[in-house]
Protein backbone atom coordinates (compact mmCIF):
# COMPACT_ATOMS: atom_id res chain seq x y z
CA MET A 1 -16.18 -0.81 15.73
CA VAL A 2 -16.10 0.66 12.25
CA ILE A 3 -13.14 2.91 11.52
CA THR A 4 -13.77 5.28 8.61
CA ILE A 5 -11.55 7.26 6.28
CA LYS A 6 -12.58 9.73 3.65
CA ASP A 7 -12.07 8.57 0.06
CA GLU A 8 -10.29 11.79 -0.84
CA THR A 9 -7.89 11.43 2.08
CA LEU A 10 -6.98 7.92 1.11
CA ASN A 11 -6.56 8.76 -2.61
CA GLN A 12 -4.37 11.74 -1.88
CA ALA A 13 -2.20 9.66 0.45
CA ALA A 14 -1.97 6.86 -2.07
CA GLN A 15 -0.70 9.34 -4.71
CA GLU A 16 2.09 10.44 -2.27
CA GLY A 17 3.31 6.93 -1.88
CA MET A 18 3.25 3.80 0.30
CA ASP A 19 4.37 5.57 3.48
CA ALA A 20 1.68 8.22 3.17
CA PHE A 21 -0.97 5.64 2.39
CA LEU A 22 -0.06 3.57 5.49
CA ASP A 23 0.18 6.73 7.61
CA ALA A 24 -3.39 7.70 6.50
CA VAL A 25 -4.82 4.31 7.38
CA ILE A 26 -2.94 4.21 10.69
CA ALA A 27 -4.11 7.74 11.55
CA ALA A 28 -7.71 6.79 10.85
CA ILE A 29 -7.41 3.74 13.14
CA LYS A 30 -5.77 5.73 15.90
CA ASN A 31 -8.36 8.48 15.53
CA GLY A 32 -11.09 5.87 15.98
CA ILE A 33 -9.64 4.74 19.29
CA GLY A 34 -8.78 8.14 20.76
CA GLY A 35 -5.17 8.49 19.65
CA GLU A 36 -3.04 5.62 20.89
CA LEU A 37 -3.40 1.87 21.24
CA ASN A 38 -3.64 0.77 24.89
CA ALA A 39 -5.12 -2.05 26.98
CA ASP A 40 -8.41 -0.22 27.36
CA ASN A 41 -9.11 0.32 23.66
CA MET A 42 -7.43 -2.69 22.10
CA SER A 43 -10.67 -4.66 22.23
CA MET A 44 -12.25 -2.09 19.94
CA LEU A 45 -10.00 -3.24 17.06
CA ASN A 46 -9.75 -6.34 15.06
CA SER A 47 -6.54 -8.40 14.78
CA GLU A 48 -5.62 -6.85 11.39
CA GLN A 49 -5.81 -3.34 12.81
CA ILE A 50 -3.79 -4.30 15.91
CA THR A 51 -1.15 -5.97 13.72
CA LEU A 52 -0.84 -2.80 11.58
CA LEU A 53 -0.52 -0.64 14.71
CA GLY A 54 2.03 -3.15 16.11
CA TRP A 55 4.08 -2.85 12.85
CA GLN A 56 4.00 0.95 13.10
CA LEU A 57 5.10 0.94 16.75
CA MET A 58 7.86 -1.52 16.04
CA ARG A 59 9.04 0.26 12.87
CA ASP A 60 9.12 3.66 14.55
CA GLU A 61 11.02 2.47 17.63
CA VAL A 62 13.55 0.40 15.69
CA MET A 63 14.20 3.06 13.03
CA ASP A 64 14.73 5.63 15.81
CA GLY A 65 16.84 3.67 18.27
CA GLY A 66 16.86 -0.01 17.50
CA PHE A 67 15.46 -2.96 19.34
CA ILE A 68 17.23 -1.89 22.48
CA GLN A 69 15.18 1.34 22.52
CA LEU A 70 12.02 -0.63 21.75
CA ILE A 71 12.73 -2.80 24.82
CA GLN A 72 13.74 0.11 26.98
CA ASN A 73 10.44 1.76 26.17
CA HIS A 74 8.58 -1.33 27.47
CA LEU A 75 7.23 -2.43 24.09
CA GLY A 76 9.03 -5.82 24.26
CA PRO A 77 5.98 -7.78 25.58
CA PHE A 78 3.67 -6.29 22.87
CA VAL A 79 6.08 -7.03 20.03
CA PHE A 80 7.61 -10.27 21.17
CA HIS A 81 4.94 -11.99 23.36
CA ASN A 82 1.91 -11.31 21.23
CA PRO A 83 1.08 -12.87 17.84
CA LEU A 84 2.62 -9.98 15.86
CA ALA A 85 5.28 -12.21 14.19
CA LYS A 86 2.71 -14.88 13.33
CA ALA A 87 0.24 -12.30 11.92
CA LEU A 88 2.93 -10.69 9.79
CA ARG A 89 3.99 -14.14 8.53
CA LEU A 90 0.41 -14.69 7.53
CA TRP A 91 0.47 -11.42 5.61
CA GLY A 92 3.40 -12.85 3.64
CA LEU A 93 6.27 -11.26 5.54
CA LYS A 94 8.18 -14.45 6.44
CA ASP A 95 11.59 -12.76 6.81
CA LEU A 96 10.16 -10.05 9.07
CA SER A 97 8.47 -12.71 11.22
CA LYS A 98 11.78 -14.63 11.52
CA LEU A 99 13.49 -11.38 12.53
CA ILE A 100 10.93 -10.78 15.29
CA TYR A 101 11.44 -14.33 16.56
CA ARG A 102 15.21 -13.78 16.66
CA GLY A 103 14.45 -10.59 18.61
CA ARG A 104 12.25 -12.51 20.96
CA ASP A 105 15.09 -14.87 21.79
CA LEU A 106 17.25 -11.90 22.82
CA TYR A 107 14.35 -10.25 24.62
CA ASP A 108 13.66 -13.43 26.65
CA LEU A 109 17.34 -13.55 27.60
CA LEU A 110 17.95 -9.84 28.27
CA GLY A 111 14.58 -8.05 28.45
CA GLU A 112 14.33 -7.75 32.18
CA GLU A 113 17.81 -6.07 32.32
CA LEU A 114 17.07 -3.79 29.34
CA GLU A 115 13.69 -2.65 30.66
CA ARG A 116 15.15 -1.20 33.88
CA ASP A 117 14.87 2.55 34.13
CA ARG A 118 18.11 4.31 33.20
CA SER A 119 19.58 7.74 32.69
CA ASP A 120 20.18 8.83 29.11
CA GLU A 121 23.93 8.05 29.55
CA GLU A 122 23.18 4.51 30.90
CA PHE A 123 20.72 3.97 28.03
CA MET A 124 23.35 4.91 25.42
CA ALA A 125 25.80 2.54 27.05
CA LEU A 126 23.39 -0.35 26.40
CA PHE A 127 24.29 -0.22 22.69
CA GLU A 128 28.03 -0.89 23.52
CA GLU A 129 27.11 -3.47 26.16
CA HIS A 130 24.80 -5.43 23.90
CA PRO A 131 26.25 -5.72 20.36
CA GLU A 132 24.10 -8.85 19.88
CA PHE A 133 21.32 -6.49 18.78
CA ASP A 134 23.43 -4.95 16.02
CA ASP A 135 22.69 -7.51 13.39
CA LEU A 136 18.99 -7.46 14.23
CA ASP A 137 18.91 -3.66 13.92
CA ASP A 138 20.91 -3.73 10.66
CA ASP A 139 18.71 -6.43 9.13
CA PHE A 140 15.58 -4.44 9.99
CA VAL A 141 16.92 -1.18 8.62
CA GLU A 142 18.11 -2.86 5.46
CA CYS A 143 14.66 -4.45 4.78
CA GLU A 144 12.30 -1.85 6.25
CA GLU A 145 11.40 -0.18 2.93
CA GLU A 146 10.63 -3.56 1.26
CA TRP A 147 8.55 -4.64 4.26
CA THR A 148 6.66 -1.31 4.34
CA GLU A 149 5.84 -1.80 0.66
CA GLN A 150 4.60 -5.36 1.28
CA ILE A 151 2.49 -4.20 4.23
CA ALA A 152 1.08 -1.30 2.18
CA ARG A 153 0.20 -3.76 -0.63
CA TYR A 154 -1.44 -6.13 1.93
CA VAL A 155 -3.46 -3.28 3.50
CA ASP A 156 -4.59 -2.02 0.06
CA GLU A 157 -5.65 -5.48 -1.02
CA HIS A 158 -7.60 -6.04 2.26
CA LEU A 159 -8.61 -2.42 2.95
CA ASP A 160 -12.04 -3.39 4.35
CA HIS A 161 -10.26 -5.29 7.16
CA PHE A 162 -8.74 -1.98 8.28
CA VAL A 163 -11.11 0.87 7.43
CA ALA A 164 -14.37 1.68 5.74
CA VAL A 165 -13.98 4.25 2.94
CA GLU A 166 -16.63 6.97 2.96
């Protein structure tokens, strides 16, 4: 499936910065599959597009509520048991890949417990109960801007792997 983006949309986003550029490419990909990545439409995308959407999902969850929130929202299997870490390493993001593998170790150990449905109060208590995620969250937040820049540069250099500009 060919995902398209208008040249003027891409240029305007690029002028606004790396976040806007990535957001425009991600929006075009999501638009092409009906809004959100799911098991039914994943086969419509290539591995590069899926990796970019995986990064966006992970970044949004972790920046909002850390890896505990990501796991609580049942995104652990997608982030930790798919080739996201390997793909990002191939994009040149070795430290991010290592961080995801560290997260996978914790997910494999605690994921089942953390995925259980909980009240908001019980969810908030997870952060106190599982300080082992603190360093992971801190490392992610500390490096997120640099990683976003690296991903934006990768997408820009391989734009035809993600979208067709019209």
